[in-house]
Amino acid sequence: MLEVCRIPARWHGYILSGVIFLILGILCLILTQQVMSVLFILFSAIALLLGILLIVAGVFVAGLRFQWVPLLFLGGIFIVIGLASIYYPDIVTALAIYLIAGIALLVGLLMVIYGAISFVETKTRVLIVLLGFIPLVIAIYMILYPTSAAALLLRLWGVFACILGVALLVQGLILRKINYEFGCNEADT
């Protein structure tokens, strides 16, 4: 088998990944509220399940020399988070949005500061500062409008997933073309 045939012969994975990302992106853009509901239900279920498993693990290691108190404590915290996300989804969403906004604010500030004090050429510094304003603006929007910010984030992820899906599809088609041009046989890989 030709060495050049190894990667192009795997074009199927690129196309499959591209289709999956494209479908997920379109779903996030068209059915934003429904996708948020499903994600929230999954988050609640995972938090509750993790809490129960941590408590069970804490009970099983209670007689041993392991530290069982932290397991029970963390299990309780996850159960509270899971129940809170079921009964008070708006509050949990707002807290998550504020956490993400805080991270975006920090990233934006660090980019602006780095661009202002770095020793790279002026054009690069200006670009870094300007790019630093993007997360700052997103963070301010999220802080001012936390309820609509969740839908905005999901839609932004949908746009990203669509772009990534198209890029993977194109890459898969290019690899497929290379695969056939070089006469690579899939049975050889």
N, C-alpha and C. Protein backbone atom coordinates (compact mmCIF):
# COMPACT_ATOMS: atom_id res chain seq x y z
N MET A 1 0.85 -1.19 0.00
CA MET A 1 0.00 0.00 0.00
C MET A 1 0.89 1.24 0.00
N LEU A 2 0.48 2.21 -0.75
CA LEU A 2 1.21 3.47 -0.77
C LEU A 2 1.03 4.19 0.57
N GLU A 3 2.11 4.83 1.01
CA GLU A 3 2.03 5.59 2.27
C GLU A 3 1.02 6.72 2.18
N VAL A 4 0.87 7.29 0.98
CA VAL A 4 -0.06 8.40 0.78
C VAL A 4 -1.52 7.96 0.94
N CYS A 5 -1.77 6.67 0.94
CA CYS A 5 -3.14 6.16 1.00
C CYS A 5 -3.69 6.06 2.41
N ARG A 6 -2.89 6.20 3.42
CA ARG A 6 -3.38 5.98 4.78
C ARG A 6 -4.45 6.98 5.21
N ILE A 7 -4.19 8.26 5.10
CA ILE A 7 -5.16 9.26 5.55
C ILE A 7 -6.33 9.40 4.58
N PRO A 8 -6.11 9.51 3.26
CA PRO A 8 -7.27 9.68 2.37
C PRO A 8 -8.25 8.52 2.42
N ALA A 9 -7.78 7.33 2.79
CA ALA A 9 -8.69 6.19 2.84
C ALA A 9 -9.70 6.32 3.97
N ARG A 10 -9.48 7.24 4.85
CA ARG A 10 -10.39 7.45 5.99
C ARG A 10 -11.34 8.61 5.75
N TRP A 11 -11.63 8.90 4.52
CA TRP A 11 -12.50 10.02 4.18
C TRP A 11 -13.91 9.84 4.72
N HIS A 12 -14.33 8.60 4.94
CA HIS A 12 -15.69 8.34 5.44
C HIS A 12 -15.93 9.02 6.80
N GLY A 13 -14.94 8.95 7.67
CA GLY A 13 -15.07 9.55 9.00
C GLY A 13 -15.24 11.05 8.94
N TYR A 14 -14.54 11.69 8.03
CA TYR A 14 -14.67 13.14 7.88
C TYR A 14 -16.08 13.50 7.41
N ILE A 15 -16.56 12.76 6.43
CA ILE A 15 -17.90 13.05 5.91
C ILE A 15 -18.96 12.78 6.97
N LEU A 16 -18.84 11.66 7.68
CA LEU A 16 -19.81 11.35 8.74
C LEU A 16 -19.78 12.42 9.84
N SER A 17 -18.59 12.81 10.26
CA SER A 17 -18.48 13.86 11.29
C SER A 17 -19.07 15.17 10.79
N GLY A 18 -18.81 15.49 9.53
CA GLY A 18 -19.35 16.72 8.95
C GLY A 18 -20.86 16.72 8.93
N VAL A 19 -21.46 15.59 8.55
CA VAL A 19 -22.92 15.49 8.52
C VAL A 19 -23.49 15.62 9.93
N ILE A 20 -22.85 14.96 10.91
CA ILE A 20 -23.34 15.03 12.30
C ILE A 20 -23.27 16.47 12.82
N PHE A 21 -22.13 17.14 12.62
CA PHE A 21 -22.01 18.52 13.08
C PHE A 21 -22.99 19.44 12.37
N LEU A 22 -23.18 19.22 11.08
CA LEU A 22 -24.12 20.04 10.33
C LEU A 22 -25.55 19.86 10.85
N ILE A 23 -25.94 18.63 11.10
CA ILE A 23 -27.29 18.36 11.63
C ILE A 23 -27.45 18.98 13.01
N LEU A 24 -26.45 18.80 13.89
CA LEU A 24 -26.53 19.39 15.23
C LEU A 24 -26.59 20.92 15.16
N GLY A 25 -25.80 21.50 14.28
CA GLY A 25 -25.81 22.96 14.13
C GLY A 25 -27.14 23.47 13.65
N ILE A 26 -27.73 22.81 12.66
CA ILE A 26 -29.03 23.22 12.14
C ILE A 26 -30.10 23.06 13.22
N LEU A 27 -30.05 21.96 13.98
CA LEU A 27 -31.01 21.78 15.07
C LEU A 27 -30.88 22.89 16.11
N CYS A 28 -29.66 23.27 16.44
CA CYS A 28 -29.46 24.35 17.41
C CYS A 28 -29.97 25.68 16.89
N LEU A 29 -29.87 25.89 15.59
CA LEU A 29 -30.34 27.16 15.02
C LEU A 29 -31.86 27.19 14.86
N ILE A 30 -32.46 26.08 14.48
CA ILE A 30 -33.90 26.05 14.21
C ILE A 30 -34.71 25.78 15.47
N LEU A 31 -34.26 24.82 16.26
CA LEU A 31 -35.02 24.39 17.45
C LEU A 31 -34.28 24.77 18.73
N THR A 32 -33.91 26.02 18.85
CA THR A 32 -33.08 26.48 19.97
C THR A 32 -33.72 26.17 21.32
N GLN A 33 -34.97 26.52 21.52
CA GLN A 33 -35.61 26.31 22.82
C GLN A 33 -35.74 24.83 23.16
N GLN A 34 -36.08 24.01 22.18
CA GLN A 34 -36.22 22.58 22.42
C GLN A 34 -34.87 21.95 22.77
N VAL A 35 -33.82 22.36 22.06
CA VAL A 35 -32.48 21.83 22.35
C VAL A 35 -32.04 22.26 23.75
N MET A 36 -32.34 23.51 24.13
CA MET A 36 -31.99 23.97 25.48
C MET A 36 -32.73 23.15 26.53
N SER A 37 -33.99 22.82 26.28
CA SER A 37 -34.75 22.01 27.22
C SER A 37 -34.14 20.64 27.38
N VAL A 38 -33.78 20.03 26.26
CA VAL A 38 -33.16 18.69 26.31
C VAL A 38 -31.83 18.74 27.04
N LEU A 39 -31.01 19.75 26.74
CA LEU A 39 -29.72 19.88 27.41
C LEU A 39 -29.89 20.08 28.91
N PHE A 40 -30.90 20.86 29.28
CA PHE A 40 -31.13 21.11 30.69
C PHE A 40 -31.60 19.85 31.41
N ILE A 41 -32.45 19.07 30.75
CA ILE A 41 -32.90 17.81 31.34
C ILE A 41 -31.72 16.86 31.50
N LEU A 42 -30.85 16.79 30.48
CA LEU A 42 -29.66 15.94 30.58
C LEU A 42 -28.75 16.41 31.71
N PHE A 43 -28.55 17.72 31.82
CA PHE A 43 -27.72 18.26 32.89
C PHE A 43 -28.29 17.89 34.25
N SER A 44 -29.59 18.05 34.41
CA SER A 44 -30.23 17.71 35.69
C SER A 44 -30.08 16.24 36.01
N ALA A 45 -30.31 15.39 35.02
CA ALA A 45 -30.22 13.94 35.24
C ALA A 45 -28.80 13.52 35.57
N ILE A 46 -27.83 14.09 34.87
CA ILE A 46 -26.43 13.74 35.13
C ILE A 46 -26.01 14.20 36.52
N ALA A 47 -26.43 15.40 36.92
CA ALA A 47 -26.09 15.90 38.25
C ALA A 47 -26.71 15.02 39.33
N LEU A 48 -27.98 14.64 39.16
CA LEU A 48 -28.62 13.76 40.15
C LEU A 48 -27.94 12.39 40.20
N LEU A 49 -27.67 11.82 39.05
CA LEU A 49 -27.04 10.50 39.00
C LEU A 49 -25.65 10.54 39.62
N LEU A 50 -24.88 11.56 39.31
CA LEU A 50 -23.55 11.69 39.88
C LEU A 50 -23.63 11.86 41.40
N GLY A 51 -24.59 12.65 41.87
CA GLY A 51 -24.77 12.81 43.31
C GLY A 51 -25.11 11.51 44.00
N ILE A 52 -26.01 10.75 43.42
CA ILE A 52 -26.39 9.46 44.01
C ILE A 52 -25.19 8.51 44.02
N LEU A 53 -24.45 8.46 42.92
CA LEU A 53 -23.29 7.58 42.86
C LEU A 53 -22.22 7.97 43.87
N LEU A 54 -22.01 9.26 44.06
CA LEU A 54 -21.03 9.71 45.05
C LEU A 54 -21.47 9.35 46.47
N ILE A 55 -22.75 9.49 46.76
CA ILE A 55 -23.24 9.12 48.10
C ILE A 55 -23.12 7.61 48.31
N VAL A 56 -23.48 6.84 47.32
CA VAL A 56 -23.35 5.37 47.42
C VAL A 56 -21.89 5.00 47.63
N ALA A 57 -20.98 5.63 46.87
CA ALA A 57 -19.56 5.36 47.05
C ALA A 57 -19.10 5.74 48.46
N GLY A 58 -19.61 6.86 48.97
CA GLY A 58 -19.26 7.28 50.32
C GLY A 58 -19.74 6.29 51.37
N VAL A 59 -20.93 5.74 51.17
CA VAL A 59 -21.46 4.75 52.12
C VAL A 59 -20.63 3.47 52.07
N PHE A 60 -20.23 3.05 50.87
CA PHE A 60 -19.46 1.82 50.75
C PHE A 60 -18.06 1.92 51.34
N VAL A 61 -17.45 3.10 51.30
CA VAL A 61 -16.10 3.24 51.84
C VAL A 61 -16.10 3.78 53.26
N ALA A 62 -17.27 3.93 53.88
CA ALA A 62 -17.34 4.50 55.23
C ALA A 62 -16.59 3.66 56.24
N GLY A 63 -16.62 2.35 56.11
CA GLY A 63 -15.93 1.49 57.06
C GLY A 63 -14.45 1.36 56.79
N LEU A 64 -14.02 1.79 55.65
CA LEU A 64 -12.61 1.70 55.30
C LEU A 64 -11.88 2.98 55.70
N ARG A 65 -10.62 3.03 55.42
CA ARG A 65 -9.83 4.19 55.82
C ARG A 65 -9.94 5.35 54.83
N PHE A 66 -10.71 5.18 53.79
CA PHE A 66 -10.85 6.25 52.81
C PHE A 66 -11.60 7.44 53.41
N GLN A 67 -11.43 8.55 52.81
CA GLN A 67 -12.14 9.74 53.23
C GLN A 67 -13.54 9.70 52.63
N TRP A 68 -14.51 9.29 53.40
CA TRP A 68 -15.87 9.14 52.89
C TRP A 68 -16.69 10.41 53.03
N VAL A 69 -16.30 11.29 53.93
CA VAL A 69 -17.06 12.52 54.15
C VAL A 69 -17.08 13.40 52.90
N PRO A 70 -15.94 13.60 52.22
CA PRO A 70 -16.00 14.41 51.00
C PRO A 70 -16.89 13.80 49.93
N LEU A 71 -16.93 12.48 49.83
CA LEU A 71 -17.80 11.84 48.86
C LEU A 71 -19.27 12.13 49.16
N LEU A 72 -19.64 12.02 50.43
CA LEU A 72 -21.02 12.33 50.81
C LEU A 72 -21.33 13.80 50.58
N PHE A 73 -20.39 14.66 50.92
CA PHE A 73 -20.59 16.10 50.75
C PHE A 73 -20.77 16.46 49.27
N LEU A 74 -19.86 15.97 48.41
CA LEU A 74 -19.97 16.25 46.98
C LEU A 74 -21.24 15.64 46.39
N GLY A 75 -21.59 14.45 46.85
CA GLY A 75 -22.83 13.83 46.39
C GLY A 75 -24.03 14.68 46.73
N GLY A 76 -24.04 15.21 47.94
CA GLY A 76 -25.13 16.09 48.35
C GLY A 76 -25.19 17.36 47.52
N ILE A 77 -24.02 17.92 47.22
CA ILE A 77 -23.98 19.13 46.41
C ILE A 77 -24.53 18.86 45.01
N PHE A 78 -24.12 17.74 44.40
CA PHE A 78 -24.62 17.42 43.06
C PHE A 78 -26.11 17.13 43.06
N ILE A 79 -26.62 16.53 44.11
CA ILE A 79 -28.07 16.29 44.19
C ILE A 79 -28.80 17.62 44.32
N VAL A 80 -28.29 18.52 45.12
CA VAL A 80 -28.91 19.84 45.26
C VAL A 80 -28.88 20.58 43.91
N ILE A 81 -27.75 20.52 43.21
CA ILE A 81 -27.65 21.16 41.90
C ILE A 81 -28.65 20.55 40.93
N GLY A 82 -28.75 19.22 40.92
CA GLY A 82 -29.69 18.55 40.02
C GLY A 82 -31.13 18.92 40.32
N LEU A 83 -31.49 18.91 41.61
CA LEU A 83 -32.86 19.28 41.99
C LEU A 83 -33.14 20.75 41.73
N ALA A 84 -32.14 21.60 42.01
CA ALA A 84 -32.32 23.04 41.74
C ALA A 84 -32.52 23.29 40.26
N SER A 85 -31.80 22.54 39.42
CA SER A 85 -31.95 22.76 37.98
C SER A 85 -33.28 22.24 37.48
N ILE A 86 -33.90 21.32 38.20
CA ILE A 86 -35.24 20.85 37.83
C ILE A 86 -36.30 21.85 38.29
N TYR A 87 -36.21 22.29 39.54
CA TYR A 87 -37.25 23.14 40.12
C TYR A 87 -37.05 24.63 39.86
N TYR A 88 -35.80 25.05 39.66
CA TYR A 88 -35.50 26.47 39.43
C TYR A 88 -34.56 26.62 38.22
N PRO A 89 -35.02 26.22 37.04
CA PRO A 89 -34.12 26.25 35.87
C PRO A 89 -33.64 27.65 35.50
N ASP A 90 -34.46 28.66 35.71
CA ASP A 90 -34.05 30.02 35.34
C ASP A 90 -32.88 30.50 36.20
N ILE A 91 -32.91 30.17 37.49
CA ILE A 91 -31.84 30.59 38.39
C ILE A 91 -30.54 29.89 38.04
N VAL A 92 -30.62 28.59 37.79
CA VAL A 92 -29.41 27.83 37.45
C VAL A 92 -28.85 28.30 36.11
N THR A 93 -29.73 28.57 35.15
CA THR A 93 -29.28 29.09 33.86
C THR A 93 -28.59 30.43 34.03
N ALA A 94 -29.18 31.30 34.83
CA ALA A 94 -28.58 32.62 35.05
C ALA A 94 -27.22 32.50 35.72
N LEU A 95 -27.09 31.60 36.71
CA LEU A 95 -25.80 31.41 37.36
C LEU A 95 -24.76 30.89 36.38
N ALA A 96 -25.16 29.94 35.54
CA ALA A 96 -24.22 29.42 34.53
C ALA A 96 -23.84 30.52 33.55
N ILE A 97 -24.82 31.32 33.15
CA ILE A 97 -24.54 32.42 32.22
C ILE A 97 -23.58 33.42 32.85
N TYR A 98 -23.79 33.75 34.13
CA TYR A 98 -22.89 34.69 34.80
C TYR A 98 -21.48 34.12 34.92
N LEU A 99 -21.36 32.81 35.14
CA LEU A 99 -20.05 32.19 35.21
C LEU A 99 -19.35 32.28 33.84
N ILE A 100 -20.07 31.96 32.78
CA ILE A 100 -19.51 32.04 31.43
C ILE A 100 -19.18 33.50 31.10
N ALA A 101 -20.04 34.42 31.51
CA ALA A 101 -19.78 35.85 31.27
C ALA A 101 -18.52 36.30 32.00
N GLY A 102 -18.34 35.81 33.21
CA GLY A 102 -17.12 36.14 33.96
C GLY A 102 -15.87 35.65 33.27
N ILE A 103 -15.94 34.45 32.74
CA ILE A 103 -14.79 33.90 32.01
C ILE A 103 -14.53 34.71 30.75
N ALA A 104 -15.59 35.06 30.01
CA ALA A 104 -15.44 35.87 28.80
C ALA A 104 -14.87 37.24 29.14
N LEU A 105 -15.33 37.83 30.24
CA LEU A 105 -14.83 39.13 30.68
C LEU A 105 -13.34 39.05 30.98
N LEU A 106 -12.94 38.00 31.69
CA LEU A 106 -11.54 37.82 32.04
C LEU A 106 -10.68 37.63 30.78
N VAL A 107 -11.14 36.79 29.86
CA VAL A 107 -10.39 36.56 28.62
C VAL A 107 -10.26 37.86 27.83
N GLY A 108 -11.35 38.60 27.71
CA GLY A 108 -11.31 39.87 26.98
C GLY A 108 -10.35 40.86 27.61
N LEU A 109 -10.42 40.99 28.94
CA LEU A 109 -9.51 41.92 29.62
C LEU A 109 -8.06 41.50 29.46
N LEU A 110 -7.78 40.21 29.58
CA LEU A 110 -6.41 39.74 29.41
C LEU A 110 -5.89 39.99 27.99
N MET A 111 -6.76 39.82 27.01
CA MET A 111 -6.36 40.08 25.62
C MET A 111 -6.05 41.56 25.42
N VAL A 112 -6.91 42.42 25.96
CA VAL A 112 -6.68 43.86 25.81
C VAL A 112 -5.39 44.28 26.53
N ILE A 113 -5.19 43.77 27.73
CA ILE A 113 -3.97 44.11 28.48
C ILE A 113 -2.73 43.58 27.76
N TYR A 114 -2.80 42.33 27.29
CA TYR A 114 -1.65 41.77 26.57
C TYR A 114 -1.35 42.56 25.30
N GLY A 115 -2.40 42.92 24.57
CA GLY A 115 -2.19 43.71 23.37
C GLY A 115 -1.60 45.07 23.67
N ALA A 116 -1.95 45.63 24.82
CA ALA A 116 -1.45 46.97 25.17
C ALA A 116 0.00 46.94 25.64
N ILE A 117 0.43 45.86 26.30
CA ILE A 117 1.78 45.87 26.88
C ILE A 117 2.76 44.93 26.19
N SER A 118 2.34 44.19 25.17
CA SER A 118 3.25 43.23 24.54
C SER A 118 4.27 43.94 23.67
N PHE A 119 5.30 43.21 23.31
CA PHE A 119 6.40 43.77 22.53
C PHE A 119 6.33 43.37 21.05
N VAL A 120 5.18 42.86 20.61
CA VAL A 120 5.06 42.50 19.20
C VAL A 120 4.81 43.77 18.38
N GLU A 121 4.82 43.62 17.07
CA GLU A 121 4.65 44.80 16.22
C GLU A 121 3.28 45.45 16.44
N THR A 122 3.15 46.68 16.07
CA THR A 122 1.97 47.49 16.37
C THR A 122 0.70 46.91 15.75
N LYS A 123 0.77 46.44 14.51
CA LYS A 123 -0.41 45.88 13.86
C LYS A 123 -0.96 44.68 14.64
N THR A 124 -0.07 43.84 15.09
CA THR A 124 -0.49 42.67 15.87
C THR A 124 -1.09 43.10 17.20
N ARG A 125 -0.49 44.09 17.84
CA ARG A 125 -1.01 44.58 19.12
C ARG A 125 -2.42 45.14 18.96
N VAL A 126 -2.61 45.93 17.90
CA VAL A 126 -3.93 46.51 17.65
C VAL A 126 -4.94 45.40 17.40
N LEU A 127 -4.56 44.39 16.62
CA LEU A 127 -5.45 43.27 16.33
C LEU A 127 -5.82 42.52 17.61
N ILE A 128 -4.85 42.28 18.48
CA ILE A 128 -5.12 41.58 19.74
C ILE A 128 -6.09 42.40 20.60
N VAL A 129 -5.87 43.69 20.68
CA VAL A 129 -6.77 44.55 21.47
C VAL A 129 -8.18 44.54 20.89
N LEU A 130 -8.28 44.67 19.56
CA LEU A 130 -9.60 44.66 18.93
C LEU A 130 -10.30 43.32 19.13
N LEU A 131 -9.56 42.23 18.99
CA LEU A 131 -10.16 40.91 19.22
C LEU A 131 -10.54 40.72 20.69
N GLY A 132 -9.84 41.38 21.58
CA GLY A 132 -10.18 41.31 23.00
C GLY A 132 -11.52 41.95 23.32
N PHE A 133 -11.95 42.88 22.48
CA PHE A 133 -13.24 43.51 22.71
C PHE A 133 -14.41 42.58 22.40
N ILE A 134 -14.20 41.56 21.57
CA ILE A 134 -15.29 40.63 21.25
C ILE A 134 -15.77 39.90 22.49
N PRO A 135 -14.89 39.22 23.25
CA PRO A 135 -15.41 38.57 24.47
C PRO A 135 -15.91 39.57 25.50
N LEU A 136 -15.36 40.79 25.51
CA LEU A 136 -15.86 41.80 26.44
C LEU A 136 -17.30 42.18 26.12
N VAL A 137 -17.59 42.40 24.85
CA VAL A 137 -18.94 42.75 24.44
C VAL A 137 -19.90 41.59 24.72
N ILE A 138 -19.46 40.36 24.42
CA ILE A 138 -20.31 39.20 24.70
C ILE A 138 -20.57 39.09 26.19
N ALA A 139 -19.55 39.31 27.02
CA ALA A 139 -19.71 39.22 28.47
C ALA A 139 -20.70 40.28 28.97
N ILE A 140 -20.58 41.49 28.47
CA ILE A 140 -21.50 42.56 28.91
C ILE A 140 -22.93 42.22 28.50
N TYR A 141 -23.09 41.71 27.28
CA TYR A 141 -24.43 41.31 26.84
C TYR A 141 -24.99 40.21 27.74
N MET A 142 -24.16 39.24 28.08
CA MET A 142 -24.61 38.13 28.92
C MET A 142 -25.00 38.61 30.31
N ILE A 143 -24.26 39.57 30.84
CA ILE A 143 -24.57 40.09 32.17
C ILE A 143 -25.87 40.89 32.14
N LEU A 144 -26.07 41.67 31.09
CA LEU A 144 -27.27 42.51 31.00
C LEU A 144 -28.52 41.70 30.64
N TYR A 145 -28.37 40.68 29.82
CA TYR A 145 -29.52 39.89 29.35
C TYR A 145 -29.26 38.39 29.53
N PRO A 146 -29.23 37.91 30.78
CA PRO A 146 -28.86 36.51 31.00
C PRO A 146 -29.84 35.49 30.41
N THR A 147 -31.14 35.82 30.35
CA THR A 147 -32.09 34.84 29.84
C THR A 147 -31.97 34.65 28.34
N SER A 148 -31.74 35.72 27.61
CA SER A 148 -31.59 35.57 26.16
C SER A 148 -30.17 35.16 25.79
N ALA A 149 -29.23 35.29 26.73
CA ALA A 149 -27.84 34.91 26.44
C ALA A 149 -27.70 33.41 26.24
N ALA A 150 -28.50 32.62 26.96
CA ALA A 150 -28.42 31.16 26.78
C ALA A 150 -28.80 30.77 25.36
N ALA A 151 -29.87 31.36 24.84
CA ALA A 151 -30.28 31.09 23.47
C ALA A 151 -29.22 31.60 22.49
N LEU A 152 -28.65 32.76 22.78
CA LEU A 152 -27.60 33.31 21.92
C LEU A 152 -26.39 32.38 21.87
N LEU A 153 -25.97 31.88 23.03
CA LEU A 153 -24.83 30.96 23.07
C LEU A 153 -25.11 29.69 22.28
N LEU A 154 -26.31 29.17 22.42
CA LEU A 154 -26.66 27.95 21.70
C LEU A 154 -26.69 28.22 20.19
N ARG A 155 -27.18 29.37 19.80
CA ARG A 155 -27.19 29.72 18.37
C ARG A 155 -25.77 29.93 17.84
N LEU A 156 -24.91 30.56 18.64
CA LEU A 156 -23.52 30.72 18.23
C LEU A 156 -22.85 29.37 18.07
N TRP A 157 -23.14 28.44 19.00
CA TRP A 157 -22.60 27.09 18.87
C TRP A 157 -23.16 26.44 17.61
N GLY A 158 -24.43 26.69 17.31
CA GLY A 158 -25.03 26.14 16.10
C GLY A 158 -24.34 26.64 14.84
N VAL A 159 -24.02 27.93 14.80
CA VAL A 159 -23.29 28.49 13.66
C VAL A 159 -21.91 27.84 13.56
N PHE A 160 -21.22 27.73 14.70
CA PHE A 160 -19.91 27.09 14.72
C PHE A 160 -20.01 25.64 14.23
N ALA A 161 -21.01 24.90 14.71
CA ALA A 161 -21.17 23.50 14.30
C ALA A 161 -21.45 23.39 12.81
N CYS A 162 -22.24 24.30 12.27
CA CYS A 162 -22.51 24.29 10.83
C CYS A 162 -21.24 24.55 10.02
N ILE A 163 -20.47 25.54 10.44
CA ILE A 163 -19.21 25.86 9.75
C ILE A 163 -18.25 24.67 9.83
N LEU A 164 -18.13 24.10 11.02
CA LEU A 164 -17.25 22.93 11.20
C LEU A 164 -17.76 21.75 10.37
N GLY A 165 -19.07 21.55 10.33
CA GLY A 165 -19.64 20.47 9.55
C GLY A 165 -19.34 20.61 8.07
N VAL A 166 -19.51 21.82 7.54
CA VAL A 166 -19.20 22.05 6.12
C VAL A 166 -17.71 21.85 5.86
N ALA A 167 -16.86 22.33 6.77
CA ALA A 167 -15.41 22.16 6.60
C ALA A 167 -15.03 20.67 6.60
N LEU A 168 -15.63 19.89 7.51
CA LEU A 168 -15.34 18.46 7.54
C LEU A 168 -15.87 17.75 6.30
N LEU A 169 -17.04 18.16 5.83
CA LEU A 169 -17.57 17.57 4.59
C LEU A 169 -16.65 17.85 3.40
N VAL A 170 -16.20 19.09 3.28
CA VAL A 170 -15.30 19.45 2.20
C VAL A 170 -14.00 18.67 2.32
N GLN A 171 -13.47 18.57 3.53
CA GLN A 171 -12.23 17.81 3.75
C GLN A 171 -12.43 16.34 3.37
N GLY A 172 -13.57 15.77 3.76
CA GLY A 172 -13.85 14.39 3.40
C GLY A 172 -13.95 14.19 1.91
N LEU A 173 -14.58 15.12 1.21
CA LEU A 173 -14.70 15.01 -0.24
C LEU A 173 -13.33 15.16 -0.92
N ILE A 174 -12.50 16.05 -0.41
CA ILE A 174 -11.15 16.20 -0.95
C ILE A 174 -10.36 14.91 -0.74
N LEU A 175 -10.44 14.34 0.46
CA LEU A 175 -9.73 13.09 0.73
C LEU A 175 -10.27 11.94 -0.11
N ARG A 176 -11.56 11.94 -0.35
CA ARG A 176 -12.17 10.91 -1.20
C ARG A 176 -11.61 11.01 -2.62
N LYS A 177 -11.51 12.25 -3.11
CA LYS A 177 -10.97 12.47 -4.45
C LYS A 177 -9.51 12.01 -4.52
N ILE A 178 -8.72 12.37 -3.52
CA ILE A 178 -7.31 11.96 -3.48
C ILE A 178 -7.22 10.43 -3.41
N ASN A 179 -8.10 9.84 -2.63
CA ASN A 179 -8.12 8.39 -2.47
C ASN A 179 -8.30 7.70 -3.82
N TYR A 180 -9.22 8.19 -4.63
CA TYR A 180 -9.47 7.58 -5.93
C TYR A 180 -8.43 7.96 -6.96
N GLU A 181 -7.86 9.17 -6.86
CA GLU A 181 -6.83 9.58 -7.82
C GLU A 181 -5.56 8.74 -7.68
N PHE A 182 -5.21 8.40 -6.45
CA PHE A 182 -4.00 7.60 -6.21
C PHE A 182 -4.28 6.10 -6.31
N GLY A 183 -5.52 5.74 -6.55
CA GLY A 183 -5.86 4.33 -6.69
C GLY A 183 -5.74 3.55 -5.40
N CYS A 184 -5.99 4.21 -4.29
CA CYS A 184 -5.92 3.54 -2.99
C CYS A 184 -7.10 2.61 -2.86
N ASN A 185 -6.83 1.39 -2.47
CA ASN A 185 -7.89 0.41 -2.27
C ASN A 185 -8.21 0.35 -0.79
N GLU A 186 -9.46 0.49 -0.43
CA GLU A 186 -9.85 0.50 0.98
C GLU A 186 -9.57 -0.81 1.68
N ALA A 187 -9.50 -1.90 0.95
CA ALA A 187 -9.23 -3.20 1.57
C ALA A 187 -7.79 -3.27 2.07
N ASP A 188 -6.92 -2.42 1.52
CA ASP A 188 -5.51 -2.43 1.91
C ASP A 188 -5.24 -1.67 3.19
N THR A 189 -6.19 -0.83 3.63
CA THR A 189 -5.93 0.01 4.80
C THR A 189 -6.26 -0.67 6.08
